[in-house]
Amino acid sequence: MHTQVKICGIKNLNEIEFINKMDIDYIGFVFAKSRRQIDINQATILSNTLRVDIKKVGVFVNHSIAEINSYTEQANLDIVQLHKNYTKDIIAKIKRPVWYALSIKDESCVALANEAYEYNNVIGIVTDSHVKGMEGGTGITFNWDLLKGINTNINLILAGGLNSDNIQDAIRAANPQVLDISSGVEETLNGVTMKSKDKIQQLLRKVRV
C-alpha cells in the first residue's frame, strides 16, 4: 500500500476543486484557533463538494465532546484528530475514529504514543514537532529518529514541516502510513495564504515515485 497523503488546513472551494482532481487520501478541516481555522458552516459546504473517496479529518483542540460530535455529524467527518489533554475516557465518547496527536519532544513522547494507541477508538497517532504554545501546525520538522521506538503496529501519521524537499527523507526515516502536510504546500499571494496546486503536485510526484 502506498504512503497516504493528507492535506490539512483546507479553507475554500478553490482548494477543494483542484484537490478533487489529485491523488489525495485525506483533507483536514481545522476548527482550532489558527490562521487556517474555519467554522462549521464553511466545513459543511466544503465537505459536500469533496470527492467521495477522500476522507475528511476534523482537527480539534480543547473542544467539548458535545462540540466535537456535533461538528462531526454536520460536516460528515470520517476521522476526529484530537490535540491536547484528551483522556481515554473522553476519547471513547467520540462518535468517529480518532487520530491522537502528540508533540514529539523526546523519547518519553514515544512511550505516550504507544500507550495512546491502545485507547479505545484511537486508530492513528499523529506525531508533530514540539513548539511551546502551539498544538500542531508548527511548520517545523523534528528529529524523526525519535520515532524508532514507536510500536510498529501503530498507524503513524507524520506531521511537522513536511514539503517536497524533505518528504522522501521523512518516508525513509519514519516509514509513516500517512503524511500530514499543510504549510509545506502553501503560498502567499497579495497577503493571503492558501494551498498551492503546483506545490501539492510537486510533493505528490516525490511521494508517488
N, C-alpha and C. Protein backbone atom coordinates (compact mmCIF):
# COMPACT_ATOMS: atom_id res chain seq x y z
N MET A 1 0.85 -1.20 0.00
CA MET A 1 0.00 0.00 0.00
C MET A 1 0.88 1.24 0.00
N HIS A 2 0.55 2.21 -0.84
CA HIS A 2 1.40 3.39 -0.91
C HIS A 2 1.21 4.29 0.31
N THR A 3 2.19 5.14 0.54
CA THR A 3 2.10 6.11 1.62
C THR A 3 0.97 7.09 1.31
N GLN A 4 0.06 7.26 2.26
CA GLN A 4 -1.08 8.12 2.03
C GLN A 4 -0.74 9.58 2.34
N VAL A 5 -1.53 10.48 1.80
CA VAL A 5 -1.28 11.91 1.94
C VAL A 5 -2.52 12.62 2.46
N LYS A 6 -2.31 13.43 3.48
CA LYS A 6 -3.35 14.33 4.00
C LYS A 6 -2.91 15.77 3.78
N ILE A 7 -3.78 16.56 3.17
CA ILE A 7 -3.54 17.99 3.05
C ILE A 7 -4.42 18.68 4.09
N CYS A 8 -3.80 19.31 5.05
CA CYS A 8 -4.53 19.87 6.19
C CYS A 8 -4.69 21.39 6.04
N GLY A 9 -5.75 21.89 6.66
CA GLY A 9 -5.99 23.33 6.66
C GLY A 9 -6.69 23.82 5.41
N ILE A 10 -7.60 23.01 4.87
CA ILE A 10 -8.36 23.40 3.68
C ILE A 10 -9.39 24.46 4.09
N LYS A 11 -9.47 25.52 3.27
CA LYS A 11 -10.31 26.65 3.67
C LYS A 11 -11.33 27.10 2.63
N ASN A 12 -11.17 26.73 1.37
CA ASN A 12 -12.07 27.31 0.37
C ASN A 12 -12.37 26.33 -0.78
N LEU A 13 -13.35 26.70 -1.57
CA LEU A 13 -13.82 25.84 -2.65
C LEU A 13 -12.79 25.69 -3.77
N ASN A 14 -11.97 26.71 -3.97
CA ASN A 14 -10.94 26.61 -5.00
C ASN A 14 -9.96 25.48 -4.66
N GLU A 15 -9.59 25.38 -3.39
CA GLU A 15 -8.69 24.31 -2.96
C GLU A 15 -9.36 22.93 -3.14
N ILE A 16 -10.63 22.85 -2.78
CA ILE A 16 -11.37 21.60 -2.96
C ILE A 16 -11.41 21.21 -4.43
N GLU A 17 -11.59 22.19 -5.29
CA GLU A 17 -11.72 21.92 -6.72
C GLU A 17 -10.48 21.24 -7.29
N PHE A 18 -9.27 21.75 -6.94
CA PHE A 18 -8.10 21.09 -7.52
C PHE A 18 -7.70 19.83 -6.74
N ILE A 19 -8.01 19.75 -5.47
CA ILE A 19 -7.72 18.54 -4.71
C ILE A 19 -8.58 17.38 -5.22
N ASN A 20 -9.80 17.68 -5.64
CA ASN A 20 -10.68 16.64 -6.19
C ASN A 20 -10.08 15.94 -7.41
N LYS A 21 -9.12 16.58 -8.05
CA LYS A 21 -8.51 16.03 -9.26
C LYS A 21 -7.15 15.37 -8.98
N MET A 22 -6.79 15.29 -7.69
CA MET A 22 -5.47 14.78 -7.32
C MET A 22 -5.56 13.47 -6.55
N ASP A 23 -4.41 12.81 -6.44
CA ASP A 23 -4.31 11.54 -5.71
C ASP A 23 -4.09 11.83 -4.23
N ILE A 24 -5.12 12.37 -3.59
CA ILE A 24 -5.09 12.73 -2.18
C ILE A 24 -5.99 11.78 -1.41
N ASP A 25 -5.55 11.37 -0.22
CA ASP A 25 -6.31 10.41 0.59
C ASP A 25 -7.16 11.06 1.66
N TYR A 26 -6.64 12.15 2.26
CA TYR A 26 -7.34 12.84 3.34
C TYR A 26 -7.19 14.35 3.18
N ILE A 27 -8.20 15.08 3.66
CA ILE A 27 -8.02 16.52 3.88
C ILE A 27 -8.36 16.82 5.33
N GLY A 28 -7.86 17.95 5.82
CA GLY A 28 -8.12 18.34 7.20
C GLY A 28 -8.82 19.68 7.29
N PHE A 29 -9.87 19.74 8.10
CA PHE A 29 -10.53 21.00 8.45
C PHE A 29 -10.08 21.37 9.87
N VAL A 30 -9.53 22.56 10.03
CA VAL A 30 -9.03 23.00 11.33
C VAL A 30 -10.10 23.82 12.04
N PHE A 31 -10.60 23.30 13.15
CA PHE A 31 -11.60 24.01 13.95
C PHE A 31 -10.96 24.70 15.16
N ALA A 32 -9.69 24.41 15.40
CA ALA A 32 -8.96 25.07 16.49
C ALA A 32 -8.52 26.46 16.07
N LYS A 33 -8.19 27.29 17.06
CA LYS A 33 -7.74 28.64 16.76
C LYS A 33 -6.43 28.58 15.97
N SER A 34 -6.46 29.16 14.78
CA SER A 34 -5.34 29.07 13.86
C SER A 34 -5.64 29.98 12.68
N ARG A 35 -4.60 30.34 11.93
CA ARG A 35 -4.86 31.12 10.72
C ARG A 35 -5.55 30.26 9.67
N ARG A 36 -5.62 28.96 9.91
CA ARG A 36 -6.31 28.06 8.98
C ARG A 36 -7.70 27.66 9.51
N GLN A 37 -8.11 28.26 10.60
CA GLN A 37 -9.39 27.89 11.21
C GLN A 37 -10.57 28.24 10.31
N ILE A 38 -11.54 27.31 10.25
CA ILE A 38 -12.81 27.59 9.58
C ILE A 38 -13.94 27.22 10.53
N ASP A 39 -15.14 27.74 10.24
CA ASP A 39 -16.27 27.41 11.10
C ASP A 39 -17.02 26.21 10.52
N ILE A 40 -17.99 25.73 11.27
CA ILE A 40 -18.68 24.51 10.88
C ILE A 40 -19.49 24.71 9.60
N ASN A 41 -20.00 25.91 9.37
CA ASN A 41 -20.77 26.16 8.15
C ASN A 41 -19.88 26.06 6.91
N GLN A 42 -18.69 26.65 7.00
CA GLN A 42 -17.73 26.54 5.89
C GLN A 42 -17.34 25.09 5.66
N ALA A 43 -17.05 24.40 6.74
CA ALA A 43 -16.62 23.00 6.62
C ALA A 43 -17.70 22.13 5.98
N THR A 44 -18.95 22.38 6.31
CA THR A 44 -20.05 21.60 5.76
C THR A 44 -20.17 21.81 4.26
N ILE A 45 -20.04 23.06 3.83
CA ILE A 45 -20.09 23.37 2.39
C ILE A 45 -18.95 22.67 1.66
N LEU A 46 -17.75 22.77 2.21
CA LEU A 46 -16.58 22.15 1.58
C LEU A 46 -16.71 20.63 1.57
N SER A 47 -17.20 20.09 2.65
CA SER A 47 -17.38 18.64 2.76
C SER A 47 -18.32 18.11 1.68
N ASN A 48 -19.37 18.86 1.43
CA ASN A 48 -20.38 18.42 0.47
C ASN A 48 -19.89 18.46 -0.98
N THR A 49 -18.79 19.17 -1.22
CA THR A 49 -18.26 19.27 -2.59
C THR A 49 -17.00 18.42 -2.79
N LEU A 50 -16.55 17.76 -1.72
CA LEU A 50 -15.34 16.95 -1.80
C LEU A 50 -15.62 15.61 -2.49
N ARG A 51 -14.65 15.13 -3.25
CA ARG A 51 -14.76 13.81 -3.86
C ARG A 51 -15.02 12.75 -2.79
N VAL A 52 -15.92 11.83 -3.08
CA VAL A 52 -16.43 10.96 -2.02
C VAL A 52 -15.39 10.02 -1.42
N ASP A 53 -14.34 9.69 -2.17
CA ASP A 53 -13.36 8.74 -1.65
C ASP A 53 -12.27 9.41 -0.81
N ILE A 54 -12.26 10.74 -0.75
CA ILE A 54 -11.29 11.45 0.08
C ILE A 54 -11.87 11.58 1.48
N LYS A 55 -11.13 11.13 2.48
CA LYS A 55 -11.64 11.15 3.85
C LYS A 55 -11.42 12.53 4.48
N LYS A 56 -12.37 12.92 5.34
CA LYS A 56 -12.37 14.24 5.97
C LYS A 56 -11.99 14.11 7.43
N VAL A 57 -10.96 14.86 7.83
CA VAL A 57 -10.46 14.84 9.20
C VAL A 57 -10.74 16.20 9.85
N GLY A 58 -11.35 16.19 11.01
CA GLY A 58 -11.58 17.43 11.76
C GLY A 58 -10.53 17.57 12.85
N VAL A 59 -9.90 18.73 12.93
CA VAL A 59 -8.81 18.98 13.90
C VAL A 59 -9.36 19.81 15.05
N PHE A 60 -9.27 19.25 16.26
CA PHE A 60 -9.86 19.88 17.45
C PHE A 60 -8.81 20.04 18.56
N VAL A 61 -8.90 21.16 19.25
CA VAL A 61 -8.06 21.42 20.43
C VAL A 61 -8.95 22.00 21.53
N ASN A 62 -9.08 21.29 22.63
CA ASN A 62 -9.84 21.78 23.79
C ASN A 62 -11.33 22.01 23.51
N HIS A 63 -11.88 21.36 22.51
CA HIS A 63 -13.32 21.41 22.28
C HIS A 63 -14.00 20.39 23.21
N SER A 64 -15.26 20.62 23.52
CA SER A 64 -16.01 19.69 24.35
C SER A 64 -16.44 18.48 23.51
N ILE A 65 -16.80 17.41 24.19
CA ILE A 65 -17.30 16.22 23.50
C ILE A 65 -18.52 16.58 22.66
N ALA A 66 -19.42 17.38 23.23
CA ALA A 66 -20.65 17.76 22.53
C ALA A 66 -20.32 18.52 21.25
N GLU A 67 -19.37 19.45 21.33
CA GLU A 67 -18.98 20.22 20.14
C GLU A 67 -18.39 19.29 19.08
N ILE A 68 -17.49 18.43 19.49
CA ILE A 68 -16.83 17.53 18.55
C ILE A 68 -17.83 16.64 17.83
N ASN A 69 -18.73 16.05 18.59
CA ASN A 69 -19.70 15.14 17.99
C ASN A 69 -20.70 15.89 17.10
N SER A 70 -21.05 17.11 17.49
CA SER A 70 -21.94 17.92 16.67
C SER A 70 -21.29 18.31 15.35
N TYR A 71 -20.06 18.78 15.42
CA TYR A 71 -19.32 19.15 14.21
C TYR A 71 -19.13 17.94 13.29
N THR A 72 -18.86 16.81 13.92
CA THR A 72 -18.63 15.58 13.16
C THR A 72 -19.86 15.21 12.33
N GLU A 73 -21.03 15.32 12.94
CA GLU A 73 -22.27 15.00 12.24
C GLU A 73 -22.55 16.01 11.13
N GLN A 74 -22.41 17.30 11.44
CA GLN A 74 -22.76 18.33 10.47
C GLN A 74 -21.86 18.31 9.24
N ALA A 75 -20.56 18.13 9.46
CA ALA A 75 -19.61 18.16 8.34
C ALA A 75 -19.31 16.77 7.80
N ASN A 76 -19.99 15.76 8.35
CA ASN A 76 -19.82 14.37 7.90
C ASN A 76 -18.36 13.96 7.91
N LEU A 77 -17.70 14.21 9.05
CA LEU A 77 -16.29 13.87 9.18
C LEU A 77 -16.10 12.36 9.28
N ASP A 78 -14.99 11.89 8.75
CA ASP A 78 -14.64 10.48 8.85
C ASP A 78 -13.77 10.19 10.05
N ILE A 79 -12.93 11.15 10.42
CA ILE A 79 -11.95 10.98 11.49
C ILE A 79 -11.89 12.25 12.32
N VAL A 80 -11.71 12.10 13.61
CA VAL A 80 -11.52 13.22 14.53
C VAL A 80 -10.07 13.22 14.99
N GLN A 81 -9.36 14.32 14.76
CA GLN A 81 -7.97 14.46 15.20
C GLN A 81 -7.95 15.33 16.45
N LEU A 82 -7.48 14.73 17.55
CA LEU A 82 -7.53 15.40 18.85
C LEU A 82 -6.14 15.80 19.31
N HIS A 83 -6.03 17.06 19.71
CA HIS A 83 -4.80 17.60 20.27
C HIS A 83 -5.04 18.02 21.72
N LYS A 84 -4.11 17.72 22.57
CA LYS A 84 -4.00 18.29 23.91
C LYS A 84 -5.01 17.78 24.94
N ASN A 85 -4.51 17.01 25.86
CA ASN A 85 -5.21 16.71 27.12
C ASN A 85 -6.56 16.04 26.99
N TYR A 86 -6.75 15.21 25.99
CA TYR A 86 -7.97 14.41 25.93
C TYR A 86 -7.67 13.05 26.55
N THR A 87 -8.42 12.69 27.59
CA THR A 87 -8.19 11.42 28.27
C THR A 87 -8.84 10.28 27.49
N LYS A 88 -8.45 9.07 27.86
CA LYS A 88 -9.01 7.92 27.15
C LYS A 88 -10.51 7.79 27.38
N ASP A 89 -11.01 8.28 28.53
CA ASP A 89 -12.45 8.24 28.79
C ASP A 89 -13.20 9.18 27.87
N ILE A 90 -12.62 10.35 27.62
CA ILE A 90 -13.25 11.30 26.69
C ILE A 90 -13.19 10.76 25.27
N ILE A 91 -12.05 10.24 24.89
CA ILE A 91 -11.87 9.72 23.53
C ILE A 91 -12.89 8.63 23.22
N ALA A 92 -13.21 7.82 24.19
CA ALA A 92 -14.15 6.72 23.99
C ALA A 92 -15.56 7.22 23.67
N LYS A 93 -15.84 8.49 23.96
CA LYS A 93 -17.18 9.05 23.73
C LYS A 93 -17.29 9.77 22.38
N ILE A 94 -16.19 9.84 21.64
CA ILE A 94 -16.21 10.47 20.33
C ILE A 94 -16.88 9.51 19.34
N LYS A 95 -17.74 10.05 18.48
CA LYS A 95 -18.55 9.21 17.61
C LYS A 95 -17.88 8.81 16.29
N ARG A 96 -16.62 9.17 16.14
CA ARG A 96 -15.86 8.76 14.96
C ARG A 96 -14.51 8.22 15.42
N PRO A 97 -13.83 7.44 14.59
CA PRO A 97 -12.47 7.02 14.93
C PRO A 97 -11.58 8.24 15.16
N VAL A 98 -10.58 8.06 16.02
CA VAL A 98 -9.75 9.17 16.47
C VAL A 98 -8.30 9.00 16.04
N TRP A 99 -7.72 10.09 15.55
CA TRP A 99 -6.27 10.22 15.44
C TRP A 99 -5.82 11.06 16.63
N TYR A 100 -4.97 10.49 17.45
CA TYR A 100 -4.50 11.18 18.65
C TYR A 100 -3.16 11.85 18.34
N ALA A 101 -3.09 13.16 18.56
CA ALA A 101 -1.91 13.93 18.17
C ALA A 101 -0.99 14.21 19.36
N LEU A 102 0.30 14.02 19.13
CA LEU A 102 1.32 14.27 20.15
C LEU A 102 2.45 15.12 19.59
N SER A 103 2.92 16.06 20.39
CA SER A 103 4.11 16.83 20.05
C SER A 103 5.33 16.05 20.55
N ILE A 104 6.23 15.75 19.64
CA ILE A 104 7.36 14.89 20.00
C ILE A 104 8.56 15.74 20.45
N LYS A 105 8.80 15.71 21.73
CA LYS A 105 9.89 16.49 22.33
C LYS A 105 11.10 15.62 22.61
N ASP A 106 10.85 14.41 23.10
CA ASP A 106 11.93 13.50 23.45
C ASP A 106 11.40 12.07 23.42
N GLU A 107 12.22 11.13 23.86
CA GLU A 107 11.84 9.72 23.78
C GLU A 107 10.63 9.37 24.65
N SER A 108 10.39 10.15 25.70
CA SER A 108 9.24 9.87 26.56
C SER A 108 7.92 10.04 25.80
N CYS A 109 7.92 10.89 24.80
CA CYS A 109 6.72 11.11 23.99
C CYS A 109 6.37 9.88 23.17
N VAL A 110 7.38 9.11 22.80
CA VAL A 110 7.14 7.88 22.05
C VAL A 110 6.42 6.87 22.94
N ALA A 111 6.78 6.82 24.21
CA ALA A 111 6.09 5.94 25.16
C ALA A 111 4.62 6.35 25.28
N LEU A 112 4.36 7.65 25.27
CA LEU A 112 2.98 8.15 25.32
C LEU A 112 2.22 7.74 24.06
N ALA A 113 2.89 7.79 22.92
CA ALA A 113 2.26 7.38 21.66
C ALA A 113 1.87 5.91 21.70
N ASN A 114 2.78 5.07 22.19
CA ASN A 114 2.50 3.64 22.27
C ASN A 114 1.33 3.37 23.22
N GLU A 115 1.26 4.14 24.31
CA GLU A 115 0.16 3.98 25.27
C GLU A 115 -1.17 4.44 24.66
N ALA A 116 -1.14 5.61 24.02
CA ALA A 116 -2.38 6.18 23.47
C ALA A 116 -2.98 5.33 22.37
N TYR A 117 -2.13 4.58 21.66
CA TYR A 117 -2.64 3.75 20.57
C TYR A 117 -3.51 2.61 21.09
N GLU A 118 -3.39 2.33 22.38
CA GLU A 118 -4.20 1.27 22.98
C GLU A 118 -5.55 1.78 23.45
N TYR A 119 -5.76 3.11 23.42
CA TYR A 119 -7.04 3.67 23.85
C TYR A 119 -8.16 3.20 22.92
N ASN A 120 -9.31 2.94 23.50
CA ASN A 120 -10.48 2.59 22.71
C ASN A 120 -10.82 3.75 21.76
N ASN A 121 -11.00 3.44 20.48
CA ASN A 121 -11.40 4.41 19.46
C ASN A 121 -10.23 5.06 18.73
N VAL A 122 -9.01 4.92 19.25
CA VAL A 122 -7.85 5.53 18.58
C VAL A 122 -7.36 4.59 17.48
N ILE A 123 -7.32 5.12 16.24
CA ILE A 123 -6.87 4.30 15.11
C ILE A 123 -5.58 4.84 14.48
N GLY A 124 -5.07 5.94 15.02
CA GLY A 124 -3.84 6.50 14.48
C GLY A 124 -3.21 7.49 15.44
N ILE A 125 -1.89 7.64 15.33
CA ILE A 125 -1.15 8.60 16.15
C ILE A 125 -0.50 9.62 15.23
N VAL A 126 -0.83 10.90 15.46
CA VAL A 126 -0.21 12.00 14.72
C VAL A 126 0.99 12.48 15.51
N THR A 127 2.16 12.47 14.89
CA THR A 127 3.37 12.97 15.55
C THR A 127 3.79 14.27 14.89
N ASP A 128 3.95 15.31 15.72
CA ASP A 128 4.28 16.64 15.22
C ASP A 128 5.41 17.20 16.07
N SER A 129 5.93 18.34 15.64
CA SER A 129 7.02 18.98 16.37
C SER A 129 6.52 19.59 17.67
N HIS A 130 7.42 19.66 18.65
CA HIS A 130 7.10 20.31 19.91
C HIS A 130 7.54 21.77 19.84
N VAL A 131 6.57 22.67 19.85
CA VAL A 131 6.84 24.10 19.89
C VAL A 131 5.98 24.69 21.00
N LYS A 132 6.60 25.33 21.98
CA LYS A 132 5.88 25.85 23.13
C LYS A 132 4.75 26.78 22.69
N GLY A 133 3.56 26.51 23.23
CA GLY A 133 2.42 27.36 22.94
C GLY A 133 1.66 26.99 21.68
N MET A 134 2.13 25.94 20.97
CA MET A 134 1.45 25.54 19.75
C MET A 134 1.02 24.08 19.84
N GLU A 135 -0.16 23.79 19.28
CA GLU A 135 -0.66 22.42 19.23
C GLU A 135 -0.81 22.02 17.77
N GLY A 136 0.28 21.67 17.14
CA GLY A 136 0.25 21.30 15.72
C GLY A 136 0.37 22.51 14.83
N GLY A 137 0.51 22.24 13.53
CA GLY A 137 0.63 23.33 12.57
C GLY A 137 1.88 24.15 12.74
N THR A 138 2.95 23.52 13.21
CA THR A 138 4.18 24.27 13.53
C THR A 138 4.97 24.66 12.29
N GLY A 139 4.89 23.85 11.24
CA GLY A 139 5.71 24.11 10.06
C GLY A 139 7.18 23.81 10.28
N ILE A 140 7.48 23.07 11.36
CA ILE A 140 8.87 22.77 11.73
C ILE A 140 9.03 21.26 11.85
N THR A 141 10.13 20.74 11.32
CA THR A 141 10.39 19.31 11.45
C THR A 141 10.94 18.99 12.84
N PHE A 142 10.88 17.72 13.21
CA PHE A 142 11.51 17.27 14.45
C PHE A 142 12.44 16.11 14.13
N ASN A 143 13.13 15.63 15.14
CA ASN A 143 14.08 14.55 14.95
C ASN A 143 13.34 13.23 14.74
N TRP A 144 13.25 12.81 13.49
CA TRP A 144 12.48 11.59 13.17
C TRP A 144 13.10 10.35 13.79
N ASP A 145 14.37 10.39 14.16
CA ASP A 145 15.00 9.23 14.81
C ASP A 145 14.31 8.89 16.13
N LEU A 146 13.65 9.89 16.75
CA LEU A 146 12.94 9.64 18.00
C LEU A 146 11.81 8.63 17.82
N LEU A 147 11.35 8.45 16.60
CA LEU A 147 10.23 7.55 16.34
C LEU A 147 10.66 6.09 16.20
N LYS A 148 11.96 5.83 16.30
CA LYS A 148 12.43 4.45 16.14
C LYS A 148 11.89 3.52 17.22
N GLY A 149 11.50 4.09 18.37
CA GLY A 149 10.96 3.26 19.44
C GLY A 149 9.45 3.10 19.40
N ILE A 150 8.82 3.62 18.36
CA ILE A 150 7.36 3.56 18.31
C ILE A 150 6.92 2.17 17.88
N ASN A 151 5.80 1.74 18.41
CA ASN A 151 5.24 0.43 18.09
C ASN A 151 5.02 0.33 16.58
N THR A 152 5.56 -0.69 15.96
CA THR A 152 5.47 -0.82 14.50
C THR A 152 4.05 -1.13 14.02
N ASN A 153 3.18 -1.50 14.96
CA ASN A 153 1.78 -1.75 14.59
C ASN A 153 0.95 -0.47 14.52
N ILE A 154 1.53 0.62 14.99
CA ILE A 154 0.80 1.89 15.03
C ILE A 154 0.60 2.44 13.63
N ASN A 155 -0.61 2.92 13.37
CA ASN A 155 -0.90 3.68 12.16
C ASN A 155 -0.34 5.09 12.38
N LEU A 156 0.84 5.35 11.83
CA LEU A 156 1.58 6.57 12.12
C LEU A 156 1.29 7.65 11.09
N ILE A 157 0.88 8.81 11.59
CA ILE A 157 0.63 9.98 10.74
C ILE A 157 1.73 10.99 11.07
N LEU A 158 2.60 11.26 10.12
CA LEU A 158 3.75 12.13 10.36
C LEU A 158 3.44 13.55 9.91
N ALA A 159 3.61 14.50 10.82
CA ALA A 159 3.38 15.91 10.53
C ALA A 159 4.62 16.71 10.94
N GLY A 160 4.58 18.01 10.63
CA GLY A 160 5.65 18.90 11.08
C GLY A 160 6.64 19.28 10.00
N GLY A 161 6.35 20.36 9.29
CA GLY A 161 7.33 20.93 8.36
C GLY A 161 7.64 20.11 7.13
N LEU A 162 6.73 19.26 6.72
CA LEU A 162 6.97 18.42 5.54
C LEU A 162 6.73 19.21 4.26
N ASN A 163 7.60 18.98 3.28
CA ASN A 163 7.48 19.65 1.99
C ASN A 163 8.15 18.77 0.93
N SER A 164 8.14 19.23 -0.31
CA SER A 164 8.67 18.40 -1.40
C SER A 164 10.18 18.19 -1.28
N ASP A 165 10.88 19.05 -0.56
CA ASP A 165 12.33 18.91 -0.41
C ASP A 165 12.72 17.81 0.58
N ASN A 166 11.90 17.63 1.63
CA ASN A 166 12.29 16.66 2.67
C ASN A 166 11.39 15.44 2.75
N ILE A 167 10.37 15.35 1.88
CA ILE A 167 9.36 14.31 2.04
C ILE A 167 9.93 12.90 1.84
N GLN A 168 10.85 12.73 0.93
CA GLN A 168 11.42 11.40 0.72
C GLN A 168 12.30 10.98 1.90
N ASP A 169 13.04 11.93 2.46
CA ASP A 169 13.83 11.63 3.66
C ASP A 169 12.92 11.24 4.82
N ALA A 170 11.78 11.93 4.94
CA ALA A 170 10.83 11.64 6.02
C ALA A 170 10.25 10.23 5.89
N ILE A 171 9.94 9.84 4.67
CA ILE A 171 9.39 8.50 4.44
C ILE A 171 10.42 7.43 4.80
N ARG A 172 11.67 7.65 4.38
CA ARG A 172 12.73 6.67 4.68
C ARG A 172 13.00 6.59 6.18
N ALA A 173 12.98 7.73 6.87
CA ALA A 173 13.34 7.76 8.29
C ALA A 173 12.23 7.24 9.19
N ALA A 174 10.99 7.60 8.89
CA ALA A 174 9.89 7.30 9.82
C ALA A 174 8.93 6.23 9.32
N ASN A 175 8.94 5.96 8.03
CA ASN A 175 8.05 4.97 7.43
C ASN A 175 6.60 5.16 7.88
N PRO A 176 6.06 6.36 7.72
CA PRO A 176 4.68 6.61 8.16
C PRO A 176 3.66 6.03 7.19
N GLN A 177 2.47 5.76 7.72
CA GLN A 177 1.38 5.35 6.84
C GLN A 177 0.75 6.56 6.15
N VAL A 178 0.77 7.70 6.86
CA VAL A 178 0.17 8.93 6.32
C VAL A 178 1.12 10.10 6.52
N LEU A 179 1.25 10.92 5.48
CA LEU A 179 2.00 12.17 5.56
C LEU A 179 1.00 13.31 5.70
N ASP A 180 1.18 14.13 6.73
CA ASP A 180 0.24 15.21 7.04
C ASP A 180 0.91 16.54 6.70
N ILE A 181 0.44 17.18 5.64
CA ILE A 181 1.14 18.36 5.11
C ILE A 181 0.22 19.57 5.11
N SER A 182 0.78 20.72 5.49
CA SER A 182 -0.01 21.95 5.46
C SER A 182 0.83 23.11 4.93
N SER A 183 1.68 23.68 5.78
CA SER A 183 2.45 24.86 5.36
C SER A 183 3.39 24.56 4.20
N GLY A 184 3.82 23.31 4.08
CA GLY A 184 4.76 22.93 3.03
C GLY A 184 4.19 22.98 1.63
N VAL A 185 2.85 23.12 1.52
CA VAL A 185 2.23 23.24 0.19
C VAL A 185 1.40 24.53 0.10
N GLU A 186 1.85 25.56 0.82
CA GLU A 186 1.14 26.83 0.80
C GLU A 186 1.95 27.90 0.08
N GLU A 187 1.23 28.90 -0.41
CA GLU A 187 1.84 30.08 -1.00
C GLU A 187 1.05 31.30 -0.54
N THR A 188 1.70 32.46 -0.54
CA THR A 188 1.04 33.69 -0.14
C THR A 188 0.99 34.65 -1.31
N LEU A 189 -0.22 35.03 -1.68
CA LEU A 189 -0.43 35.96 -2.78
C LEU A 189 -1.26 37.13 -2.29
N ASN A 190 -0.75 38.34 -2.48
CA ASN A 190 -1.45 39.55 -2.04
C ASN A 190 -1.84 39.49 -0.57
N GLY A 191 -0.94 38.91 0.22
CA GLY A 191 -1.16 38.85 1.66
C GLY A 191 -2.08 37.73 2.12
N VAL A 192 -2.54 36.90 1.19
CA VAL A 192 -3.44 35.80 1.53
C VAL A 192 -2.72 34.47 1.34
N THR A 193 -2.69 33.66 2.39
CA THR A 193 -2.03 32.36 2.33
C THR A 193 -3.04 31.30 1.96
N MET A 194 -2.68 30.48 0.98
CA MET A 194 -3.59 29.44 0.51
C MET A 194 -2.77 28.23 0.05
N LYS A 195 -3.48 27.12 -0.15
CA LYS A 195 -2.82 25.94 -0.68
C LYS A 195 -2.45 26.16 -2.15
N SER A 196 -1.28 25.66 -2.53
CA SER A 196 -0.77 25.82 -3.89
C SER A 196 -0.95 24.53 -4.67
N LYS A 197 -1.69 24.60 -5.75
CA LYS A 197 -1.88 23.44 -6.62
C LYS A 197 -0.53 22.92 -7.11
N ASP A 198 0.36 23.82 -7.52
CA ASP A 198 1.67 23.40 -8.05
C ASP A 198 2.51 22.72 -6.98
N LYS A 199 2.50 23.25 -5.76
CA LYS A 199 3.31 22.66 -4.69
C LYS A 199 2.78 21.29 -4.29
N ILE A 200 1.47 21.12 -4.29
CA ILE A 200 0.90 19.80 -3.97
C ILE A 200 1.27 18.79 -5.04
N GLN A 201 1.18 19.19 -6.31
CA GLN A 201 1.55 18.29 -7.40
C GLN A 201 3.02 17.92 -7.32
N GLN A 202 3.88 18.89 -7.00
CA GLN A 202 5.29 18.63 -6.88
C GLN A 202 5.56 17.64 -5.75
N LEU A 203 4.89 17.82 -4.63
CA LEU A 203 5.06 16.91 -3.49
C LEU A 203 4.57 15.51 -3.85
N LEU A 204 3.42 15.41 -4.51
CA LEU A 204 2.88 14.10 -4.86
C LEU A 204 3.82 13.34 -5.79
N ARG A 205 4.50 14.04 -6.67
CA ARG A 205 5.45 13.38 -7.56
C ARG A 205 6.59 12.74 -6.76
N LYS A 206 6.98 13.37 -5.65
CA LYS A 206 8.04 12.83 -4.80
C LYS A 206 7.54 11.63 -3.99
N VAL A 207 6.27 11.67 -3.57
CA VAL A 207 5.70 10.60 -2.75
C VAL A 207 5.37 9.38 -3.58
N ARG A 208 4.87 9.61 -4.80
CA ARG A 208 4.35 8.52 -5.62
C ARG A 208 5.39 7.92 -6.56
N VAL A 209 6.67 8.06 -6.25
CA VAL A 209 7.71 7.50 -7.13
C VAL A 209 7.69 5.98 -7.08
